[in-house]
Amino acid sequence: MRIVARYSFKDGAKVVAEKYPALLKEVEQILGLIDPTKHKSKESKEVTMPGQMLYNPVALNETFKQEFGKRQWKSIRVKAEYANDLYIEGYDPRSPSRGAFREMDFVKEKLGIEVQFGKYAFMVYNVCAKMTIFRNLGVIDTGIEIVPVKQFANEMSTGVSYFEQFAWDLKTRGVADIDIPVLILGIDA
């Protein structure tokens, strides 16, 4: 796996390099160890590419978990307890927060990492909501988001989002006071 693009959201590249140089190097090494060709194992059933072999995001994510886990990066899960006082009087929500949680893929020290091979909305949610929530909970102070570039996403199922559109949207959106520094890494096979 290769890092082929970088986008610095709210000075994320500078902050990660200054606060977490050893962890950034570790992330780069982990990415270099992952051989994506081992995960081109999903046969497409899609009309636009029938029978084509595609990269399997589930298998890729499992490899990321193994490699980060070997280096003591931990998945952090926090319980989400929803407020019942927001319901209109007389409505029974039947325990809406039972089992609800939010999870950060990998955390070490106060650096949080999300790996996303899914839909576009999840990339935006990770950076603009989830990382802020985990910062507010004292779990992280800075983030890294790892996403495929378009060329890589084209060899996955349709609907997988990619670095180029994500970086454009973040750049066009701008930065808010509540955002945290995030380094976005675009990867390719």
N, C-alpha and C. Protein backbone atom coordinates (compact mmCIF):
# COMPACT_ATOMS: atom_id res chain seq x y z
N MET A 1 0.85 -1.16 0.00
CA MET A 1 0.00 0.00 0.00
C MET A 1 0.90 1.23 0.00
N ARG A 2 0.52 2.22 -0.80
CA ARG A 2 1.34 3.44 -0.89
C ARG A 2 0.51 4.68 -0.55
N ILE A 3 1.13 5.61 0.14
CA ILE A 3 0.53 6.93 0.34
C ILE A 3 0.87 7.72 -0.91
N VAL A 4 -0.16 8.17 -1.63
CA VAL A 4 0.07 8.90 -2.87
C VAL A 4 -0.50 10.32 -2.82
N ALA A 5 -1.20 10.67 -1.74
CA ALA A 5 -1.77 12.01 -1.61
C ALA A 5 -1.94 12.35 -0.13
N ARG A 6 -1.85 13.64 0.15
CA ARG A 6 -2.03 14.14 1.52
C ARG A 6 -2.84 15.42 1.48
N TYR A 7 -3.74 15.56 2.44
CA TYR A 7 -4.46 16.82 2.61
C TYR A 7 -4.43 17.16 4.09
N SER A 8 -4.07 18.39 4.37
CA SER A 8 -3.95 18.85 5.74
C SER A 8 -5.18 19.66 6.11
N PHE A 9 -6.04 19.09 6.96
CA PHE A 9 -7.24 19.76 7.42
C PHE A 9 -6.95 20.40 8.77
N LYS A 10 -7.14 21.69 8.87
CA LYS A 10 -6.85 22.48 10.07
C LYS A 10 -5.41 22.24 10.55
N ASP A 11 -4.47 22.34 9.60
CA ASP A 11 -3.05 22.15 9.88
C ASP A 11 -2.72 20.75 10.39
N GLY A 12 -3.52 19.77 10.01
CA GLY A 12 -3.32 18.40 10.47
C GLY A 12 -1.95 17.84 10.16
N ALA A 13 -1.41 18.11 8.96
CA ALA A 13 -0.10 17.57 8.60
C ALA A 13 0.98 18.11 9.54
N LYS A 14 0.93 19.40 9.79
CA LYS A 14 1.92 20.03 10.67
C LYS A 14 1.79 19.53 12.11
N VAL A 15 0.55 19.48 12.60
CA VAL A 15 0.33 19.07 13.99
C VAL A 15 0.75 17.62 14.20
N VAL A 16 0.36 16.73 13.28
CA VAL A 16 0.75 15.31 13.42
C VAL A 16 2.27 15.19 13.37
N ALA A 17 2.92 15.87 12.42
CA ALA A 17 4.38 15.78 12.29
C ALA A 17 5.11 16.32 13.53
N GLU A 18 4.58 17.37 14.14
CA GLU A 18 5.23 17.96 15.30
C GLU A 18 4.93 17.22 16.61
N LYS A 19 3.67 16.82 16.81
CA LYS A 19 3.27 16.18 18.07
C LYS A 19 3.52 14.67 18.09
N TYR A 20 3.41 14.05 16.90
CA TYR A 20 3.45 12.59 16.84
C TYR A 20 4.37 12.08 15.72
N PRO A 21 5.61 12.56 15.65
CA PRO A 21 6.48 12.13 14.53
C PRO A 21 6.73 10.62 14.52
N ALA A 22 6.90 10.02 15.69
CA ALA A 22 7.16 8.58 15.74
C ALA A 22 5.92 7.79 15.33
N LEU A 23 4.75 8.26 15.75
CA LEU A 23 3.52 7.57 15.38
C LEU A 23 3.22 7.73 13.89
N LEU A 24 3.51 8.89 13.32
CA LEU A 24 3.33 9.09 11.89
C LEU A 24 4.23 8.14 11.11
N LYS A 25 5.46 8.01 11.55
CA LYS A 25 6.38 7.07 10.90
C LYS A 25 5.84 5.64 11.01
N GLU A 26 5.30 5.29 12.17
CA GLU A 26 4.73 3.96 12.38
C GLU A 26 3.54 3.73 11.42
N VAL A 27 2.68 4.72 11.27
CA VAL A 27 1.54 4.61 10.35
C VAL A 27 2.05 4.39 8.93
N GLU A 28 3.04 5.16 8.52
CA GLU A 28 3.62 5.01 7.18
C GLU A 28 4.21 3.62 6.98
N GLN A 29 4.88 3.09 8.02
CA GLN A 29 5.44 1.74 7.94
C GLN A 29 4.34 0.69 7.82
N ILE A 30 3.28 0.84 8.61
CA ILE A 30 2.17 -0.11 8.55
C ILE A 30 1.57 -0.13 7.15
N LEU A 31 1.34 1.04 6.58
CA LEU A 31 0.77 1.10 5.23
C LEU A 31 1.70 0.41 4.23
N GLY A 32 3.00 0.59 4.39
CA GLY A 32 3.96 -0.04 3.50
C GLY A 32 3.98 -1.56 3.60
N LEU A 33 3.57 -2.10 4.74
CA LEU A 33 3.56 -3.55 4.96
C LEU A 33 2.34 -4.24 4.36
N ILE A 34 1.27 -3.49 4.14
CA ILE A 34 0.03 -4.09 3.67
C ILE A 34 0.08 -4.30 2.16
N ASP A 35 -0.09 -5.54 1.76
CA ASP A 35 -0.08 -5.91 0.35
C ASP A 35 -1.52 -6.03 -0.13
N PRO A 36 -2.03 -5.00 -0.81
CA PRO A 36 -3.43 -5.03 -1.22
C PRO A 36 -3.74 -6.10 -2.26
N THR A 37 -2.75 -6.55 -3.00
CA THR A 37 -3.02 -7.56 -4.03
C THR A 37 -3.55 -8.86 -3.43
N LYS A 38 -3.25 -9.11 -2.16
CA LYS A 38 -3.78 -10.30 -1.47
C LYS A 38 -5.28 -10.18 -1.22
N HIS A 39 -5.80 -8.96 -1.38
CA HIS A 39 -7.21 -8.71 -1.06
C HIS A 39 -8.03 -8.36 -2.30
N LYS A 40 -7.52 -8.66 -3.46
CA LYS A 40 -8.30 -8.48 -4.68
C LYS A 40 -9.04 -9.79 -4.89
N SER A 41 -10.04 -10.00 -4.03
CA SER A 41 -10.66 -11.31 -3.91
C SER A 41 -12.18 -11.29 -3.99
N LYS A 42 -12.73 -10.15 -4.30
CA LYS A 42 -14.20 -10.02 -4.34
C LYS A 42 -14.66 -10.01 -5.80
N GLU A 43 -15.44 -11.02 -6.16
CA GLU A 43 -15.96 -11.08 -7.53
C GLU A 43 -17.20 -10.20 -7.63
N SER A 44 -17.17 -9.26 -8.54
CA SER A 44 -18.27 -8.32 -8.70
C SER A 44 -19.51 -8.99 -9.27
N LYS A 45 -20.63 -8.64 -8.68
CA LYS A 45 -21.93 -9.07 -9.19
C LYS A 45 -22.69 -7.86 -9.72
N GLU A 46 -21.99 -6.74 -9.80
CA GLU A 46 -22.61 -5.50 -10.26
C GLU A 46 -22.78 -5.51 -11.78
N VAL A 47 -23.84 -4.88 -12.24
CA VAL A 47 -24.16 -4.84 -13.66
C VAL A 47 -23.05 -4.16 -14.47
N THR A 48 -22.42 -3.16 -13.87
CA THR A 48 -21.40 -2.39 -14.59
C THR A 48 -20.06 -3.11 -14.71
N MET A 49 -19.83 -4.12 -13.88
CA MET A 49 -18.56 -4.84 -13.93
C MET A 49 -18.72 -6.30 -13.51
N PRO A 50 -19.56 -7.06 -14.20
CA PRO A 50 -19.82 -8.45 -13.80
C PRO A 50 -18.58 -9.33 -13.91
N GLY A 51 -18.34 -10.10 -12.84
CA GLY A 51 -17.23 -11.05 -12.84
C GLY A 51 -15.86 -10.45 -12.60
N GLN A 52 -15.75 -9.14 -12.59
CA GLN A 52 -14.45 -8.48 -12.38
C GLN A 52 -14.00 -8.69 -10.94
N MET A 53 -12.71 -8.97 -10.76
CA MET A 53 -12.17 -9.12 -9.41
C MET A 53 -11.87 -7.73 -8.84
N LEU A 54 -12.38 -7.49 -7.63
CA LEU A 54 -12.26 -6.20 -6.97
C LEU A 54 -11.54 -6.35 -5.64
N TYR A 55 -11.01 -5.23 -5.15
CA TYR A 55 -10.44 -5.23 -3.80
C TYR A 55 -11.57 -5.38 -2.80
N ASN A 56 -11.34 -6.20 -1.79
CA ASN A 56 -12.34 -6.50 -0.78
C ASN A 56 -12.10 -5.60 0.45
N PRO A 57 -12.95 -4.58 0.66
CA PRO A 57 -12.77 -3.67 1.80
C PRO A 57 -12.79 -4.36 3.16
N VAL A 58 -13.61 -5.40 3.30
CA VAL A 58 -13.69 -6.12 4.58
C VAL A 58 -12.35 -6.78 4.89
N ALA A 59 -11.76 -7.44 3.90
CA ALA A 59 -10.46 -8.09 4.08
C ALA A 59 -9.36 -7.05 4.33
N LEU A 60 -9.41 -5.94 3.61
CA LEU A 60 -8.42 -4.87 3.82
C LEU A 60 -8.53 -4.32 5.25
N ASN A 61 -9.75 -4.07 5.70
CA ASN A 61 -9.94 -3.56 7.06
C ASN A 61 -9.41 -4.54 8.11
N GLU A 62 -9.60 -5.82 7.88
CA GLU A 62 -9.10 -6.83 8.82
C GLU A 62 -7.57 -6.79 8.89
N THR A 63 -6.94 -6.62 7.76
CA THR A 63 -5.47 -6.53 7.73
C THR A 63 -5.00 -5.28 8.47
N PHE A 64 -5.70 -4.16 8.29
CA PHE A 64 -5.36 -2.94 9.05
C PHE A 64 -5.47 -3.21 10.54
N LYS A 65 -6.55 -3.87 10.98
CA LYS A 65 -6.72 -4.18 12.40
C LYS A 65 -5.57 -5.02 12.93
N GLN A 66 -5.17 -6.01 12.17
CA GLN A 66 -4.07 -6.88 12.60
C GLN A 66 -2.77 -6.09 12.72
N GLU A 67 -2.44 -5.32 11.69
CA GLU A 67 -1.16 -4.59 11.69
C GLU A 67 -1.11 -3.50 12.75
N PHE A 68 -2.19 -2.73 12.91
CA PHE A 68 -2.21 -1.71 13.96
C PHE A 68 -2.22 -2.37 15.34
N GLY A 69 -2.95 -3.46 15.48
CA GLY A 69 -3.01 -4.17 16.75
C GLY A 69 -1.66 -4.70 17.20
N LYS A 70 -0.85 -5.18 16.27
CA LYS A 70 0.49 -5.67 16.61
C LYS A 70 1.35 -4.59 17.25
N ARG A 71 1.00 -3.33 17.00
CA ARG A 71 1.79 -2.20 17.50
C ARG A 71 1.06 -1.44 18.61
N GLN A 72 0.14 -2.11 19.26
CA GLN A 72 -0.59 -1.59 20.43
C GLN A 72 -1.50 -0.40 20.14
N TRP A 73 -1.94 -0.24 18.91
CA TRP A 73 -3.00 0.72 18.63
C TRP A 73 -4.31 0.04 19.07
N LYS A 74 -5.15 0.77 19.76
CA LYS A 74 -6.38 0.20 20.31
C LYS A 74 -7.61 0.83 19.67
N SER A 75 -8.61 0.00 19.47
CA SER A 75 -9.93 0.49 19.08
C SER A 75 -10.59 0.99 20.36
N ILE A 76 -11.17 2.17 20.30
CA ILE A 76 -11.82 2.74 21.48
C ILE A 76 -13.31 2.88 21.18
N ARG A 77 -14.12 2.31 22.07
CA ARG A 77 -15.57 2.36 21.92
C ARG A 77 -16.14 3.07 23.14
N VAL A 78 -17.02 4.03 22.89
CA VAL A 78 -17.70 4.73 23.99
C VAL A 78 -19.20 4.52 23.85
N LYS A 79 -19.85 4.35 24.98
CA LYS A 79 -21.29 4.16 25.00
C LYS A 79 -21.97 5.49 24.67
N ALA A 80 -22.98 5.43 23.84
CA ALA A 80 -23.76 6.62 23.50
C ALA A 80 -25.10 6.51 24.22
N GLU A 81 -25.29 7.36 25.21
CA GLU A 81 -26.54 7.37 25.95
C GLU A 81 -27.37 8.53 25.46
N TYR A 82 -28.47 8.23 24.83
CA TYR A 82 -29.32 9.27 24.25
C TYR A 82 -30.25 9.85 25.30
N ALA A 83 -30.48 11.15 25.19
CA ALA A 83 -31.33 11.85 26.16
C ALA A 83 -32.80 11.54 25.90
N ASN A 84 -33.49 11.07 26.91
CA ASN A 84 -34.92 10.80 26.79
C ASN A 84 -35.77 12.05 26.98
N ASP A 85 -35.17 13.14 27.49
CA ASP A 85 -35.94 14.36 27.74
C ASP A 85 -36.23 15.15 26.46
N LEU A 86 -35.79 14.66 25.33
CA LEU A 86 -36.02 15.35 24.07
C LEU A 86 -37.32 14.91 23.39
N TYR A 87 -37.93 13.85 23.89
CA TYR A 87 -39.15 13.33 23.29
C TYR A 87 -40.37 14.14 23.74
N ILE A 88 -41.34 14.19 22.87
CA ILE A 88 -42.61 14.85 23.18
C ILE A 88 -43.30 14.03 24.28
N GLU A 89 -43.92 14.73 25.20
CA GLU A 89 -44.60 14.07 26.32
C GLU A 89 -45.59 13.02 25.81
N GLY A 90 -45.53 11.85 26.40
CA GLY A 90 -46.43 10.77 26.03
C GLY A 90 -45.82 9.77 25.05
N TYR A 91 -44.68 10.11 24.45
CA TYR A 91 -44.04 9.18 23.51
C TYR A 91 -43.12 8.24 24.29
N ASP A 92 -43.21 6.94 24.01
CA ASP A 92 -42.37 5.95 24.67
C ASP A 92 -41.26 5.53 23.71
N PRO A 93 -40.01 5.96 23.95
CA PRO A 93 -38.91 5.63 23.02
C PRO A 93 -38.40 4.21 23.14
N ARG A 94 -38.83 3.47 24.14
CA ARG A 94 -38.41 2.07 24.35
C ARG A 94 -36.89 1.90 24.33
N SER A 95 -36.22 2.60 25.21
CA SER A 95 -34.77 2.50 25.41
C SER A 95 -33.97 2.71 24.12
N PRO A 96 -33.97 3.91 23.58
CA PRO A 96 -33.29 4.15 22.31
C PRO A 96 -31.76 4.02 22.38
N SER A 97 -31.17 4.13 23.57
CA SER A 97 -29.71 4.09 23.63
C SER A 97 -29.15 2.72 23.99
N ARG A 98 -30.01 1.74 24.20
CA ARG A 98 -29.52 0.42 24.58
C ARG A 98 -28.58 -0.12 23.50
N GLY A 99 -27.33 -0.33 23.86
CA GLY A 99 -26.35 -0.89 22.93
C GLY A 99 -25.73 0.11 21.97
N ALA A 100 -26.14 1.37 22.02
CA ALA A 100 -25.59 2.37 21.10
C ALA A 100 -24.16 2.75 21.53
N PHE A 101 -23.31 2.95 20.54
CA PHE A 101 -21.92 3.33 20.82
C PHE A 101 -21.31 4.07 19.64
N ARG A 102 -20.18 4.68 19.89
CA ARG A 102 -19.34 5.27 18.85
C ARG A 102 -17.97 4.62 19.01
N GLU A 103 -17.29 4.40 17.89
CA GLU A 103 -16.00 3.70 17.95
C GLU A 103 -14.99 4.38 17.05
N MET A 104 -13.78 4.52 17.57
CA MET A 104 -12.65 5.03 16.80
C MET A 104 -11.81 3.82 16.41
N ASP A 105 -11.44 3.71 15.14
CA ASP A 105 -10.72 2.53 14.66
C ASP A 105 -9.45 2.25 15.46
N PHE A 106 -8.57 3.26 15.57
CA PHE A 106 -7.29 3.07 16.24
C PHE A 106 -6.90 4.33 16.99
N VAL A 107 -6.41 4.13 18.23
CA VAL A 107 -5.94 5.25 19.04
C VAL A 107 -4.65 4.83 19.72
N LYS A 108 -3.69 5.73 19.70
CA LYS A 108 -2.45 5.54 20.45
C LYS A 108 -2.03 6.92 20.92
N GLU A 109 -1.68 7.00 22.19
CA GLU A 109 -1.47 8.29 22.84
C GLU A 109 -2.76 9.08 22.62
N LYS A 110 -2.73 10.23 22.00
CA LYS A 110 -3.96 11.00 21.75
C LYS A 110 -4.17 11.20 20.25
N LEU A 111 -3.61 10.29 19.45
CA LEU A 111 -3.78 10.34 18.00
C LEU A 111 -4.81 9.29 17.59
N GLY A 112 -5.87 9.74 16.93
CA GLY A 112 -6.93 8.83 16.47
C GLY A 112 -6.83 8.60 14.98
N ILE A 113 -7.09 7.36 14.57
CA ILE A 113 -7.03 7.00 13.15
C ILE A 113 -8.33 6.33 12.74
N GLU A 114 -8.83 6.75 11.58
CA GLU A 114 -9.97 6.11 10.94
C GLU A 114 -9.54 5.66 9.56
N VAL A 115 -9.88 4.44 9.20
CA VAL A 115 -9.64 3.89 7.86
C VAL A 115 -11.02 3.75 7.22
N GLN A 116 -11.20 4.33 6.04
CA GLN A 116 -12.53 4.33 5.45
C GLN A 116 -12.53 3.89 3.99
N PHE A 117 -13.16 2.75 3.74
CA PHE A 117 -13.36 2.24 2.39
C PHE A 117 -14.85 2.20 2.07
N GLY A 118 -15.61 3.08 2.69
CA GLY A 118 -17.06 3.05 2.54
C GLY A 118 -17.60 4.23 1.77
N LYS A 119 -18.84 4.52 2.04
CA LYS A 119 -19.54 5.60 1.38
C LYS A 119 -18.99 6.95 1.82
N TYR A 120 -19.21 7.94 0.96
CA TYR A 120 -18.70 9.28 1.18
C TYR A 120 -19.12 9.87 2.53
N ALA A 121 -20.37 9.67 2.90
CA ALA A 121 -20.87 10.27 4.14
C ALA A 121 -20.06 9.83 5.36
N PHE A 122 -19.51 8.63 5.34
CA PHE A 122 -18.73 8.16 6.48
C PHE A 122 -17.41 8.91 6.61
N MET A 123 -16.78 9.26 5.49
CA MET A 123 -15.54 10.04 5.54
C MET A 123 -15.79 11.39 6.20
N VAL A 124 -16.84 12.08 5.74
CA VAL A 124 -17.17 13.39 6.28
C VAL A 124 -17.54 13.26 7.76
N TYR A 125 -18.33 12.26 8.10
CA TYR A 125 -18.72 12.05 9.49
C TYR A 125 -17.48 11.84 10.37
N ASN A 126 -16.55 11.01 9.90
CA ASN A 126 -15.35 10.73 10.70
C ASN A 126 -14.61 12.00 11.08
N VAL A 127 -14.37 12.86 10.10
CA VAL A 127 -13.55 14.06 10.33
C VAL A 127 -14.34 15.19 10.97
N CYS A 128 -15.57 15.41 10.53
CA CYS A 128 -16.33 16.57 10.97
C CYS A 128 -17.22 16.32 12.18
N ALA A 129 -17.37 15.08 12.59
CA ALA A 129 -18.20 14.79 13.77
C ALA A 129 -17.50 13.85 14.74
N LYS A 130 -17.20 12.63 14.28
CA LYS A 130 -16.66 11.62 15.20
C LYS A 130 -15.36 12.05 15.87
N MET A 131 -14.42 12.60 15.10
CA MET A 131 -13.14 12.99 15.72
C MET A 131 -13.33 14.12 16.71
N THR A 132 -14.25 15.03 16.43
CA THR A 132 -14.56 16.11 17.37
C THR A 132 -15.18 15.53 18.65
N ILE A 133 -16.09 14.59 18.50
CA ILE A 133 -16.71 13.94 19.65
C ILE A 133 -15.64 13.26 20.52
N PHE A 134 -14.74 12.51 19.90
CA PHE A 134 -13.70 11.82 20.67
C PHE A 134 -12.72 12.80 21.31
N ARG A 135 -12.49 13.94 20.66
CA ARG A 135 -11.67 14.99 21.29
C ARG A 135 -12.41 15.53 22.50
N ASN A 136 -13.70 15.82 22.36
CA ASN A 136 -14.48 16.35 23.47
C ASN A 136 -14.54 15.38 24.65
N LEU A 137 -14.44 14.09 24.37
CA LEU A 137 -14.43 13.08 25.42
C LEU A 137 -13.03 12.84 26.00
N GLY A 138 -12.01 13.55 25.48
CA GLY A 138 -10.65 13.44 25.99
C GLY A 138 -9.87 12.25 25.47
N VAL A 139 -10.37 11.59 24.42
CA VAL A 139 -9.71 10.40 23.90
C VAL A 139 -8.60 10.76 22.92
N ILE A 140 -8.84 11.73 22.04
CA ILE A 140 -7.85 12.15 21.04
C ILE A 140 -7.74 13.67 21.03
N ASP A 141 -6.67 14.17 20.40
CA ASP A 141 -6.56 15.60 20.16
C ASP A 141 -6.25 15.90 18.69
N THR A 142 -5.90 14.87 17.94
CA THR A 142 -5.50 15.00 16.54
C THR A 142 -5.91 13.72 15.82
N GLY A 143 -6.12 13.81 14.49
CA GLY A 143 -6.55 12.62 13.77
C GLY A 143 -5.84 12.40 12.46
N ILE A 144 -5.92 11.17 11.99
CA ILE A 144 -5.50 10.78 10.64
C ILE A 144 -6.66 9.99 10.04
N GLU A 145 -7.03 10.35 8.82
CA GLU A 145 -8.06 9.63 8.07
C GLU A 145 -7.37 9.00 6.87
N ILE A 146 -7.50 7.70 6.71
CA ILE A 146 -6.88 6.96 5.61
C ILE A 146 -7.97 6.53 4.64
N VAL A 147 -7.87 7.00 3.38
CA VAL A 147 -8.91 6.75 2.39
C VAL A 147 -8.26 6.41 1.03
N PRO A 148 -8.98 5.69 0.18
CA PRO A 148 -8.43 5.39 -1.14
C PRO A 148 -8.50 6.61 -2.06
N VAL A 149 -7.53 6.71 -2.98
CA VAL A 149 -7.64 7.69 -4.05
C VAL A 149 -8.58 7.12 -5.10
N LYS A 150 -9.02 7.94 -6.04
CA LYS A 150 -10.01 7.52 -7.03
C LYS A 150 -9.57 6.27 -7.80
N GLN A 151 -8.32 6.24 -8.21
CA GLN A 151 -7.82 5.09 -8.98
C GLN A 151 -8.00 3.78 -8.22
N PHE A 152 -7.75 3.80 -6.91
CA PHE A 152 -7.91 2.62 -6.06
C PHE A 152 -9.40 2.32 -5.86
N ALA A 153 -10.20 3.36 -5.58
CA ALA A 153 -11.63 3.18 -5.35
C ALA A 153 -12.32 2.60 -6.59
N ASN A 154 -11.80 2.92 -7.78
CA ASN A 154 -12.38 2.39 -9.01
C ASN A 154 -12.28 0.87 -9.10
N GLU A 155 -11.39 0.28 -8.30
CA GLU A 155 -11.22 -1.17 -8.30
C GLU A 155 -11.89 -1.82 -7.10
N MET A 156 -12.87 -1.10 -6.54
CA MET A 156 -13.71 -1.61 -5.46
C MET A 156 -15.16 -1.52 -5.93
N SER A 157 -16.07 -1.98 -5.12
CA SER A 157 -17.49 -1.88 -5.47
C SER A 157 -17.87 -0.43 -5.72
N THR A 158 -18.92 -0.23 -6.52
CA THR A 158 -19.36 1.13 -6.77
C THR A 158 -19.84 1.76 -5.47
N GLY A 159 -19.67 3.06 -5.38
CA GLY A 159 -20.12 3.80 -4.20
C GLY A 159 -19.04 4.05 -3.18
N VAL A 160 -17.86 3.43 -3.34
CA VAL A 160 -16.77 3.71 -2.41
C VAL A 160 -16.26 5.11 -2.73
N SER A 161 -16.17 5.92 -1.72
CA SER A 161 -15.72 7.29 -1.91
C SER A 161 -14.21 7.34 -2.02
N TYR A 162 -13.70 8.53 -2.33
CA TYR A 162 -12.26 8.64 -2.57
C TYR A 162 -11.71 9.99 -2.15
N PHE A 163 -10.41 10.00 -1.99
CA PHE A 163 -9.64 11.13 -1.48
C PHE A 163 -9.94 12.44 -2.20
N GLU A 164 -9.93 12.43 -3.51
CA GLU A 164 -10.03 13.67 -4.28
C GLU A 164 -11.31 14.43 -3.97
N GLN A 165 -12.46 13.74 -3.96
CA GLN A 165 -13.72 14.43 -3.67
C GLN A 165 -13.79 14.86 -2.21
N PHE A 166 -13.25 14.03 -1.34
CA PHE A 166 -13.25 14.32 0.08
C PHE A 166 -12.42 15.57 0.38
N ALA A 167 -11.20 15.64 -0.17
CA ALA A 167 -10.33 16.79 0.05
C ALA A 167 -10.98 18.06 -0.52
N TRP A 168 -11.58 17.95 -1.71
CA TRP A 168 -12.23 19.11 -2.31
C TRP A 168 -13.34 19.63 -1.40
N ASP A 169 -14.17 18.72 -0.90
CA ASP A 169 -15.28 19.14 -0.04
C ASP A 169 -14.78 19.77 1.25
N LEU A 170 -13.77 19.19 1.87
CA LEU A 170 -13.24 19.77 3.11
C LEU A 170 -12.64 21.15 2.84
N LYS A 171 -11.91 21.27 1.75
CA LYS A 171 -11.29 22.55 1.39
C LYS A 171 -12.38 23.59 1.13
N THR A 172 -13.43 23.20 0.42
CA THR A 172 -14.50 24.12 0.07
C THR A 172 -15.37 24.45 1.28
N ARG A 173 -15.57 23.49 2.17
CA ARG A 173 -16.34 23.69 3.40
C ARG A 173 -15.67 24.70 4.30
N GLY A 174 -14.34 24.60 4.40
CA GLY A 174 -13.60 25.44 5.33
C GLY A 174 -13.52 24.77 6.69
N VAL A 175 -12.89 25.46 7.62
CA VAL A 175 -12.64 24.93 8.95
C VAL A 175 -13.50 25.67 9.96
N ALA A 176 -14.07 24.95 10.90
CA ALA A 176 -14.87 25.54 11.97
C ALA A 176 -14.07 25.50 13.28
N ASP A 177 -14.49 26.31 14.22
CA ASP A 177 -13.80 26.38 15.51
C ASP A 177 -13.75 25.03 16.22
N ILE A 178 -14.77 24.21 16.04
CA ILE A 178 -14.81 22.93 16.76
C ILE A 178 -14.00 21.82 16.09
N ASP A 179 -13.57 22.02 14.84
CA ASP A 179 -12.80 20.99 14.14
C ASP A 179 -11.46 20.76 14.80
N ILE A 180 -10.92 19.56 14.62
CA ILE A 180 -9.60 19.24 15.13
C ILE A 180 -8.64 19.05 13.96
N PRO A 181 -7.33 19.14 14.19
CA PRO A 181 -6.37 18.91 13.12
C PRO A 181 -6.41 17.45 12.65
N VAL A 182 -6.55 17.27 11.34
CA VAL A 182 -6.60 15.93 10.76
C VAL A 182 -5.74 15.88 9.52
N LEU A 183 -4.90 14.87 9.42
CA LEU A 183 -4.13 14.59 8.23
C LEU A 183 -4.88 13.54 7.44
N ILE A 184 -5.26 13.87 6.20
CA ILE A 184 -5.96 12.92 5.34
C ILE A 184 -4.91 12.28 4.42
N LEU A 185 -4.82 10.96 4.47
CA LEU A 185 -3.87 10.23 3.62
C LEU A 185 -4.63 9.50 2.52
N GLY A 186 -4.27 9.78 1.28
CA GLY A 186 -4.84 9.07 0.14
C GLY A 186 -3.93 7.91 -0.22
N ILE A 187 -4.48 6.71 -0.27
CA ILE A 187 -3.66 5.51 -0.53
C ILE A 187 -4.06 4.85 -1.84
N ASP A 188 -3.11 4.12 -2.41
CA ASP A 188 -3.34 3.36 -3.64
C ASP A 188 -2.64 2.01 -3.50
N ALA A 189 -3.14 1.07 -4.29
CA ALA A 189 -2.55 -0.26 -4.28
C ALA A 189 -1.18 -0.22 -4.94
